[in-house]
Each structure stands twice: as C-alpha cells, then as structure tokens.
PDB file of N, CA and C in Angstrom:
ATOM      1  N   MET A   1     110.711 102.803 140.271  1.00  0.00           N
ATOM      2  CA  MET A   1     109.354 102.486 139.886  1.00  0.00           C
ATOM      3  C   MET A   1     108.742 103.640 139.101  1.00  0.00           C
ATOM      4  N   LYS A   2     108.990 104.868 139.561  1.00  0.00           N
ATOM      5  CA  LYS A   2     108.452 106.028 138.879  1.00  0.00           C
ATOM      6  C   LYS A   2     109.066 106.164 137.485  1.00  0.00           C
ATOM      7  N   SER A   3     110.342 105.808 137.364  1.00  0.00           N
ATOM      8  CA  SER A   3     111.027 105.871 136.075  1.00  0.00           C
ATOM      9  C   SER A   3     110.398 104.922 135.070  1.00  0.00           C
ATOM     10  N   ILE A   4     109.995 103.752 135.525  1.00  0.00           N
ATOM     11  CA  ILE A   4     109.368 102.774 134.642  1.00  0.00           C
ATOM     12  C   ILE A   4     108.042 103.309 134.118  1.00  0.00           C
ATOM     13  N   LYS A   5     107.251 103.936 134.979  1.00  0.00           N
ATOM     14  CA  LYS A   5     105.971 104.501 134.553  1.00  0.00           C
ATOM     15  C   LYS A   5     106.180 105.612 133.538  1.00  0.00           C
ATOM     16  N   ILE A   6     107.161 106.460 133.755  1.00  0.00           N
ATOM     17  CA  ILE A   6     107.446 107.551 132.820  1.00  0.00           C
ATOM     18  C   ILE A   6     107.906 106.981 131.487  1.00  0.00           C
ATOM     19  N   PHE A   7     108.786 105.981 131.528  1.00  0.00           N
ATOM     20  CA  PHE A   7     109.279 105.355 130.303  1.00  0.00           C
ATOM     21  C   PHE A   7     108.133 104.695 129.540  1.00  0.00           C
ATOM     22  N   ALA A   8     107.262 103.967 130.235  1.00  0.00           N
ATOM     23  CA  ALA A   8     106.136 103.298 129.591  1.00  0.00           C
ATOM     24  C   ALA A   8     105.197 104.311 128.947  1.00  0.00           C
ATOM     25  N   THR A   9     104.956 105.421 129.617  1.00  0.00           N
ATOM     26  CA  THR A   9     104.112 106.475 129.060  1.00  0.00           C
ATOM     27  C   THR A   9     104.741 107.068 127.808  1.00  0.00           C
ATOM     28  N   ALA A  10     106.039 107.296 127.837  1.00  0.00           N
ATOM     29  CA  ALA A  10     106.738 107.850 126.672  1.00  0.00           C
ATOM     30  C   ALA A  10     106.661 106.901 125.483  1.00  0.00           C
ATOM     31  N   VAL A  11     106.837 105.609 125.725  1.00  0.00           N
ATOM     32  CA  VAL A  11     106.755 104.619 124.644  1.00  0.00           C
ATOM     33  C   VAL A  11     105.347 104.582 124.069  1.00  0.00           C
ATOM     34  N   LEU A  12     104.346 104.616 124.925  1.00  0.00           N
ATOM     35  CA  LEU A  12     102.960 104.590 124.475  1.00  0.00           C
ATOM     36  C   LEU A  12     102.636 105.806 123.617  1.00  0.00           C
ATOM     37  N   LEU A  13     103.038 106.981 124.061  1.00  0.00           N
ATOM     38  CA  LEU A  13     102.772 108.200 123.299  1.00  0.00           C
ATOM     39  C   LEU A  13     103.522 108.211 121.976  1.00  0.00           C
ATOM     40  N   THR A  14     104.732 107.709 121.955  1.00  0.00           N
ATOM     41  CA  THR A  14     105.503 107.648 120.721  1.00  0.00           C
ATOM     42  C   THR A  14     104.846 106.723 119.716  1.00  0.00           C
ATOM     43  N   SER A  15     104.412 105.558 120.156  1.00  0.00           N
ATOM     44  CA  SER A  15     103.774 104.623 119.226  1.00  0.00           C
ATOM     45  C   SER A  15     102.433 105.165 118.750  1.00  0.00           C
ATOM     46  N   ALA A  16     101.733 105.909 119.577  1.00  0.00           N
ATOM     47  CA  ALA A  16     100.469 106.509 119.160  1.00  0.00           C
ATOM     48  C   ALA A  16     100.696 107.571 118.097  1.00  0.00           C
ATOM     49  N   SER A  17     101.778 108.324 118.200  1.00  0.00           N
ATOM     50  CA  SER A  17     102.038 109.352 117.199  1.00  0.00           C
ATOM     51  C   SER A  17     102.416 108.732 115.863  1.00  0.00           C
ATOM     52  N   PHE A  18     103.135 107.598 115.862  1.00  0.00           N
ATOM     53  CA  PHE A  18     103.457 106.923 114.603  1.00  0.00           C
ATOM     54  C   PHE A  18     102.185 106.441 113.927  1.00  0.00           C
ATOM     55  N   ALA A  19     101.254 105.923 114.685  1.00  0.00           N
ATOM     56  CA  ALA A  19     100.020 105.413 114.112  1.00  0.00           C
ATOM     57  C   ALA A  19      99.185 106.532 113.501  1.00  0.00           C
ATOM     58  N   SER A  20      99.258 107.731 114.036  1.00  0.00           N
ATOM     59  CA  SER A  20      98.442 108.822 113.521  1.00  0.00           C
ATOM     60  C   SER A  20      98.944 109.355 112.191  1.00  0.00           C
ATOM     61  N   ILE A  21     100.219 109.158 111.853  1.00  0.00           N
ATOM     62  CA  ILE A  21     100.739 109.646 110.581  1.00  0.00           C
ATOM     63  C   ILE A  21     100.856 108.540 109.545  1.00  0.00           C
ATOM     64  N   ALA A  22     100.446 107.346 109.884  1.00  0.00           N
ATOM     65  CA  ALA A  22     100.613 106.196 109.001  1.00  0.00           C
ATOM     66  C   ALA A  22      99.542 106.173 107.916  1.00  0.00           C
ATOM     67  N   ALA A  23      99.779 105.331 106.924  1.00  0.00           N
ATOM     68  CA  ALA A  23      98.817 105.125 105.850  1.00  0.00           C
ATOM     69  C   ALA A  23      97.576 104.429 106.405  1.00  0.00           C
ATOM     70  N   ASP A  24      96.465 104.502 105.674  1.00  0.00           N
ATOM     71  CA  ASP A  24      95.227 103.858 106.091  1.00  0.00           C
ATOM     72  C   ASP A  24      95.275 102.371 105.774  1.00  0.00           C
ATOM     73  N   GLN A  25      94.798 101.547 106.705  1.00  0.00           N
ATOM     74  CA  GLN A  25      94.754 100.112 106.458  1.00  0.00           C
ATOM     75  C   GLN A  25      93.489  99.776 105.696  1.00  0.00           C
ATOM     76  N   VAL A  26      93.634  98.988 104.634  1.00  0.00           N
ATOM     77  CA  VAL A  26      92.506  98.508 103.851  1.00  0.00           C
ATOM     78  C   VAL A  26      92.048  97.213 104.501  1.00  0.00           C
ATOM     79  N   THR A  27      90.759  97.116 104.844  1.00  0.00           N
ATOM     80  CA  THR A  27      90.288  95.939 105.564  1.00  0.00           C
ATOM     81  C   THR A  27      89.870  94.799 104.644  1.00  0.00           C
ATOM     82  N   SER A  28      89.540  95.092 103.395  1.00  0.00           N
ATOM     83  CA  SER A  28      89.201  94.023 102.452  1.00  0.00           C
ATOM     84  C   SER A  28      89.920  94.315 101.143  1.00  0.00           C
ATOM     85  N   GLN A  29      89.225  94.289 100.046  1.00  0.00           N
ATOM     86  CA  GLN A  29      89.839  94.603  98.756  1.00  0.00           C
ATOM     87  C   GLN A  29      90.069  96.107  98.663  1.00  0.00           C
ATOM     88  N   PRO A  30      91.222  96.516  98.131  1.00  0.00           N
ATOM     89  CA  PRO A  30      91.460  97.951  97.951  1.00  0.00           C
ATOM     90  C   PRO A  30      90.524  98.517  96.885  1.00  0.00           C
ATOM     91  N   ALA A  31      90.369  99.815  96.865  1.00  0.00           N
ATOM     92  CA  ALA A  31      89.508 100.468  95.880  1.00  0.00           C
ATOM     93  C   ALA A  31      89.974 100.115  94.471  1.00  0.00           C
ATOM     94  N   ALA A  32      89.051 100.147  93.525  1.00  0.00           N
ATOM     95  CA  ALA A  32      89.362  99.763  92.147  1.00  0.00           C
ATOM     96  C   ALA A  32      90.452 100.638  91.543  1.00  0.00           C
ATOM     97  N   ASP A  33      90.513 101.908  91.940  1.00  0.00           N
ATOM     98  CA  ASP A  33      91.517 102.808  91.375  1.00  0.00           C
ATOM     99  C   ASP A  33      92.842 102.779  92.139  1.00  0.00           C
ATOM    100  N   ALA A  34      92.929 101.980  93.200  1.00  0.00           N
ATOM    101  CA  ALA A  34      94.174 101.882  93.967  1.00  0.00           C
ATOM    102  C   ALA A  34      95.181 101.050  93.180  1.00  0.00           C
ATOM    103  N   GLN A  35      96.405 101.542  93.127  1.00  0.00           N
ATOM    104  CA  GLN A  35      97.457 100.849  92.395  1.00  0.00           C
ATOM    105  C   GLN A  35      98.478 100.301  93.385  1.00  0.00           C
ATOM    106  N   LYS A  36      98.741  99.003  93.282  1.00  0.00           N
ATOM    107  CA  LYS A  36      99.733  98.380  94.163  1.00  0.00           C
ATOM    108  C   LYS A  36     101.112  98.899  93.778  1.00  0.00           C
ATOM    109  N   ILE A  37     101.839  99.414  94.779  1.00  0.00           N
ATOM    110  CA  ILE A  37     103.167  99.958  94.495  1.00  0.00           C
ATOM    111  C   ILE A  37     104.283  99.137  95.126  1.00  0.00           C
ATOM    112  N   GLY A  38     103.928  98.104  95.889  1.00  0.00           N
ATOM    113  CA  GLY A  38     104.970  97.275  96.471  1.00  0.00           C
ATOM    114  C   GLY A  38     104.522  96.520  97.695  1.00  0.00           C
ATOM    115  N   VAL A  39     105.517  96.019  98.409  1.00  0.00           N
ATOM    116  CA  VAL A  39     105.296  95.223  99.616  1.00  0.00           C
ATOM    117  C   VAL A  39     106.284  95.692 100.674  1.00  0.00           C
ATOM    118  N   VAL A  40     105.841  95.775 101.921  1.00  0.00           N
ATOM    119  CA  VAL A  40     106.734  96.080 103.041  1.00  0.00           C
ATOM    120  C   VAL A  40     106.671  94.920 104.023  1.00  0.00           C
ATOM    121  N   SER A  41     107.749  94.724 104.753  1.00  0.00           N
ATOM    122  CA  SER A  41     107.772  93.659 105.755  1.00  0.00           C
ATOM    123  C   SER A  41     108.525  94.129 106.987  1.00  0.00           C
ATOM    124  N   VAL A  42     108.156  93.571 108.117  1.00  0.00           N
ATOM    125  CA  VAL A  42     108.831  93.863 109.387  1.00  0.00           C
ATOM    126  C   VAL A  42     108.982  92.557 110.156  1.00  0.00           C
ATOM    127  N   SER A  43     109.909  92.552 111.092  1.00  0.00           N
ATOM    128  CA  SER A  43     110.083  91.389 111.962  1.00  0.00           C
ATOM    129  C   SER A  43     110.540  91.863 113.332  1.00  0.00           C
ATOM    130  N   GLY A  44     110.334  91.017 114.314  1.00  0.00           N
ATOM    131  CA  GLY A  44     110.780  91.324 115.663  1.00  0.00           C
ATOM    132  C   GLY A  44     109.760  92.030 116.533  1.00  0.00           C
ATOM    133  N   ALA A  45     108.506  92.135 116.087  1.00  0.00           N
ATOM    134  CA  ALA A  45     107.476  92.794 116.896  1.00  0.00           C
ATOM    135  C   ALA A  45     107.104  91.905 118.082  1.00  0.00           C
ATOM    136  N   SER A  46     106.774  92.530 119.199  1.00  0.00           N
ATOM    137  CA  SER A  46     106.465  91.768 120.407  1.00  0.00           C
ATOM    138  C   SER A  46     105.001  91.350 120.505  1.00  0.00           C
ATOM    139  N   ASN A  47     104.101  92.064 119.789  1.00  0.00           N
ATOM    140  CA  ASN A  47     102.688  91.697 119.792  1.00  0.00           C
ATOM    141  C   ASN A  47     102.045  92.178 118.489  1.00  0.00           C
ATOM    142  N   LEU A  48     100.780  91.814 118.266  1.00  0.00           N
ATOM    143  CA  LEU A  48     100.118  92.156 117.008  1.00  0.00           C
ATOM    144  C   LEU A  48      99.936  93.660 116.828  1.00  0.00           C
ATOM    145  N   SER A  49      99.663  94.365 117.904  1.00  0.00           N
ATOM    146  CA  SER A  49      99.499  95.819 117.807  1.00  0.00           C
ATOM    147  C   SER A  49     100.794  96.484 117.372  1.00  0.00           C
ATOM    148  N   ALA A  50     101.902  96.041 117.928  1.00  0.00           N
ATOM    149  CA  ALA A  50     103.203  96.588 117.543  1.00  0.00           C
ATOM    150  C   ALA A  50     103.527  96.240 116.101  1.00  0.00           C
ATOM    151  N   LEU A  51     103.185  95.032 115.677  1.00  0.00           N
ATOM    152  CA  LEU A  51     103.413  94.614 114.293  1.00  0.00           C
ATOM    153  C   LEU A  51     102.624  95.502 113.341  1.00  0.00           C
ATOM    154  N   GLU A  52     101.352  95.732 113.646  1.00  0.00           N
ATOM    155  CA  GLU A  52     100.516  96.581 112.800  1.00  0.00           C
ATOM    156  C   GLU A  52     101.050  98.011 112.750  1.00  0.00           C
ATOM    157  N   ALA A  53     101.468  98.540 113.893  1.00  0.00           N
ATOM    158  CA  ALA A  53     102.003  99.901 113.933  1.00  0.00           C
ATOM    159  C   ALA A  53     103.290 100.018 113.113  1.00  0.00           C
ATOM    160  N   GLU A  54     104.158  99.011 113.192  1.00  0.00           N
ATOM    161  CA  GLU A  54     105.403  99.039 112.425  1.00  0.00           C
ATOM    162  C   GLU A  54     105.129  98.943 110.930  1.00  0.00           C
ATOM    163  N   LEU A  55     104.171  98.094 110.525  1.00  0.00           N
ATOM    164  CA  LEU A  55     103.814  97.995 109.110  1.00  0.00           C
ATOM    165  C   LEU A  55     103.211  99.303 108.610  1.00  0.00           C
ATOM    166  N   ALA A  56     102.355  99.931 109.416  1.00  0.00           N
ATOM    167  CA  ALA A  56     101.750 101.204 109.034  1.00  0.00           C
ATOM    168  C   ALA A  56     102.808 102.284 108.874  1.00  0.00           C
ATOM    169  N   SER A  57     103.745 102.324 109.786  1.00  0.00           N
ATOM    170  CA  SER A  57     104.812 103.313 109.724  1.00  0.00           C
ATOM    171  C   SER A  57     105.685 103.106 108.491  1.00  0.00           C
ATOM    172  N   LYS A  58     106.019 101.866 108.204  1.00  0.00           N
ATOM    173  CA  LYS A  58     106.856 101.562 107.042  1.00  0.00           C
ATOM    174  C   LYS A  58     106.105 101.857 105.739  1.00  0.00           C
ATOM    175  N   ALA A  59     104.797 101.592 105.709  1.00  0.00           N
ATOM    176  CA  ALA A  59     103.992 101.897 104.527  1.00  0.00           C
ATOM    177  C   ALA A  59     103.957 103.400 104.282  1.00  0.00           C
ATOM    178  N   ALA A  60     103.756 104.174 105.333  1.00  0.00           N
ATOM    179  CA  ALA A  60     103.728 105.634 105.199  1.00  0.00           C
ATOM    180  C   ALA A  60     105.085 106.161 104.751  1.00  0.00           C
ATOM    181  N   ALA A  61     106.159 105.592 105.282  1.00  0.00           N
ATOM    182  CA  ALA A  61     107.505 106.021 104.891  1.00  0.00           C
ATOM    183  C   ALA A  61     107.785 105.707 103.425  1.00  0.00           C
ATOM    184  N   SER A  62     107.100 104.700 102.885  1.00  0.00           N
ATOM    185  CA  SER A  62     107.271 104.335 101.478  1.00  0.00           C
ATOM    186  C   SER A  62     106.406 105.184 100.559  1.00  0.00           C
ATOM    187  N   GLY A  63     105.600 106.068 101.122  1.00  0.00           N
ATOM    188  CA  GLY A  63     104.756 106.948 100.322  1.00  0.00           C
ATOM    189  C   GLY A  63     103.400 106.369  99.971  1.00  0.00           C
ATOM    190  N   ALA A  64     102.989 105.323 100.649  1.00  0.00           N
ATOM    191  CA  ALA A  64     101.706 104.685 100.357  1.00  0.00           C
ATOM    192  C   ALA A  64     100.553 105.457 100.984  1.00  0.00           C
ATOM    193  N   ASN A  65      99.407 105.423 100.303  1.00  0.00           N
ATOM    194  CA  ASN A  65      98.186 106.002 100.858  1.00  0.00           C
ATOM    195  C   ASN A  65      97.433 104.985 101.700  1.00  0.00           C
ATOM    196  N   SER A  66      97.612 103.701 101.375  1.00  0.00           N
ATOM    197  CA  SER A  66      96.941 102.642 102.122  1.00  0.00           C
ATOM    198  C   SER A  66      97.779 101.374 102.060  1.00  0.00           C
ATOM    199  N   TYR A  67      97.443 100.434 102.930  1.00  0.00           N
ATOM    200  CA  TYR A  67      98.145  99.156 102.969  1.00  0.00           C
ATOM    201  C   TYR A  67      97.185  98.068 103.406  1.00  0.00           C
ATOM    202  N   ARG A  68      97.553  96.813 103.095  1.00  0.00           N
ATOM    203  CA  ARG A  68      96.746  95.669 103.515  1.00  0.00           C
ATOM    204  C   ARG A  68      97.686  94.595 104.035  1.00  0.00           C
ATOM    205  N   ILE A  69      97.516  94.192 105.276  1.00  0.00           N
ATOM    206  CA  ILE A  69      98.352  93.147 105.858  1.00  0.00           C
ATOM    207  C   ILE A  69      97.959  91.821 105.217  1.00  0.00           C
ATOM    208  N   VAL A  70      98.959  91.132 104.639  1.00  0.00           N
ATOM    209  CA  VAL A  70      98.682  89.874 103.953  1.00  0.00           C
ATOM    210  C   VAL A  70      99.231  88.664 104.699  1.00  0.00           C
ATOM    211  N   SER A  71     100.164  88.878 105.627  1.00  0.00           N
ATOM    212  CA  SER A  71     100.645  87.749 106.420  1.00  0.00           C
ATOM    213  C   SER A  71     101.199  88.236 107.747  1.00  0.00           C
ATOM    214  N   ALA A  72     101.069  87.380 108.741  1.00  0.00           N
ATOM    215  CA  ALA A  72     101.633  87.642 110.071  1.00  0.00           C
ATOM    216  C   ALA A  72     101.849  86.291 110.734  1.00  0.00           C
ATOM    217  N   GLY A  73     102.933  86.173 111.468  1.00  0.00           N
ATOM    218  CA  GLY A  73     103.206  84.910 112.145  1.00  0.00           C
ATOM    219  C   GLY A  73     104.349  85.048 113.123  1.00  0.00           C
ATOM    220  N   GLY A  74     104.678  83.938 113.747  1.00  0.00           N
ATOM    221  CA  GLY A  74     105.764  83.916 114.712  1.00  0.00           C
ATOM    222  C   GLY A  74     105.277  83.433 116.059  1.00  0.00           C
ATOM    223  N   GLN A  75     106.235  83.256 116.968  1.00  0.00           N
ATOM    224  CA  GLN A  75     105.884  82.822 118.316  1.00  0.00           C
ATOM    225  C   GLN A  75     106.280  83.883 119.331  1.00  0.00           C
ATOM    226  N   ASN A  76     107.537  83.979 119.669  1.00  0.00           N
ATOM    227  CA  ASN A  76     107.972  84.994 120.631  1.00  0.00           C
ATOM    228  C   ASN A  76     108.110  86.361 119.979  1.00  0.00           C
ATOM    229  N   LYS A  77     108.644  86.386 118.783  1.00  0.00           N
ATOM    230  CA  LYS A  77     108.767  87.619 118.000  1.00  0.00           C
ATOM    231  C   LYS A  77     107.979  87.431 116.716  1.00  0.00           C
ATOM    232  N   LEU A  78     107.184  88.416 116.354  1.00  0.00           N
ATOM    233  CA  LEU A  78     106.305  88.305 115.197  1.00  0.00           C
ATOM    234  C   LEU A  78     106.924  88.943 113.963  1.00  0.00           C
ATOM    235  N   TYR A  79     106.500  88.465 112.803  1.00  0.00           N
ATOM    236  CA  TYR A  79     106.898  89.037 111.525  1.00  0.00           C
ATOM    237  C   TYR A  79     105.635  89.201 110.692  1.00  0.00           C
ATOM    238  N   GLY A  80     105.671  90.081 109.708  1.00  0.00           N
ATOM    239  CA  GLY A  80     104.516  90.272 108.854  1.00  0.00           C
ATOM    240  C   GLY A  80     104.860  91.016 107.587  1.00  0.00           C
ATOM    241  N   THR A  81     103.968  90.905 106.599  1.00  0.00           N
ATOM    242  CA  THR A  81     104.117  91.626 105.340  1.00  0.00           C
ATOM    243  C   THR A  81     102.798  92.311 105.006  1.00  0.00           C
ATOM    244  N   ALA A  82     102.913  93.384 104.243  1.00  0.00           N
ATOM    245  CA  ALA A  82     101.729  94.131 103.817  1.00  0.00           C
ATOM    246  C   ALA A  82     101.934  94.638 102.399  1.00  0.00           C
ATOM    247  N   GLU A  83     100.867  94.595 101.596  1.00  0.00           N
ATOM    248  CA  GLU A  83     100.878  95.211 100.278  1.00  0.00           C
ATOM    249  C   GLU A  83     100.599  96.688 100.476  1.00  0.00           C
ATOM    250  N   ILE A  84     101.265  97.550  99.702  1.00  0.00           N
ATOM    251  CA  ILE A  84     101.035  98.990  99.825  1.00  0.00           C
ATOM    252  C   ILE A  84     100.451  99.524  98.523  1.00  0.00           C
ATOM    253  N   PHE A  85      99.572 100.516  98.646  1.00  0.00           N
ATOM    254  CA  PHE A  85      98.825 101.054  97.511  1.00  0.00           C
ATOM    255  C   PHE A  85      98.875 102.578  97.486  1.00  0.00           C
ATOM    256  N   ASN A  86      98.746 103.124  96.284  1.00  0.00           N
ATOM    257  CA  ASN A  86      98.567 104.571  96.095  1.00  0.00           C
ATOM    258  C   ASN A  86      97.161 104.825  95.648  1.00  0.00           C
TER     259      ASN A  86
END
C-alpha cells in the first residue's frame, strides 16, 4: 500500500514538471504575429488532463512557443491534435 502511494506521488510530480516546461496554450486565436509551424498529435491518454499535458510536452519538444488544441476524442483512451506556433 505504501509503495502505491509513493509511486502515485512520483507520477504526479513527474507530470507536473513536464507541464512547467511546456509551451503556452493559446485559449482562442493566436497572436497576429504568431506563425503556425505545424501540428502535433498524441493518443492513448487516460484522461483530458493527461492528454493536455502530453500535447504540451510534444509542442515544447517541437520548439513551439505556444499551441492550441484543435481536436480531442475517444472513449477509454483519448487522442488529440494541436496546432503549434512560434
């Protein structure tokens, strides 16, 4: 039981650190000077928070300054895509 709590804490802290280094999410239209540099996609996320964190991490790894989630779906495992901007 104690091992499960330690493991859960480690997973939570790891996902929090990925979110802190990720690109900024654009909530509506990106700034006029933002240039779209591509699209990233992920699949297999267990919930919306995990999906968002994975998209943010992938956007940052692609060198994006910001991203905008354009689609998300699924039932047991979620998938999503995001436009990335500089």
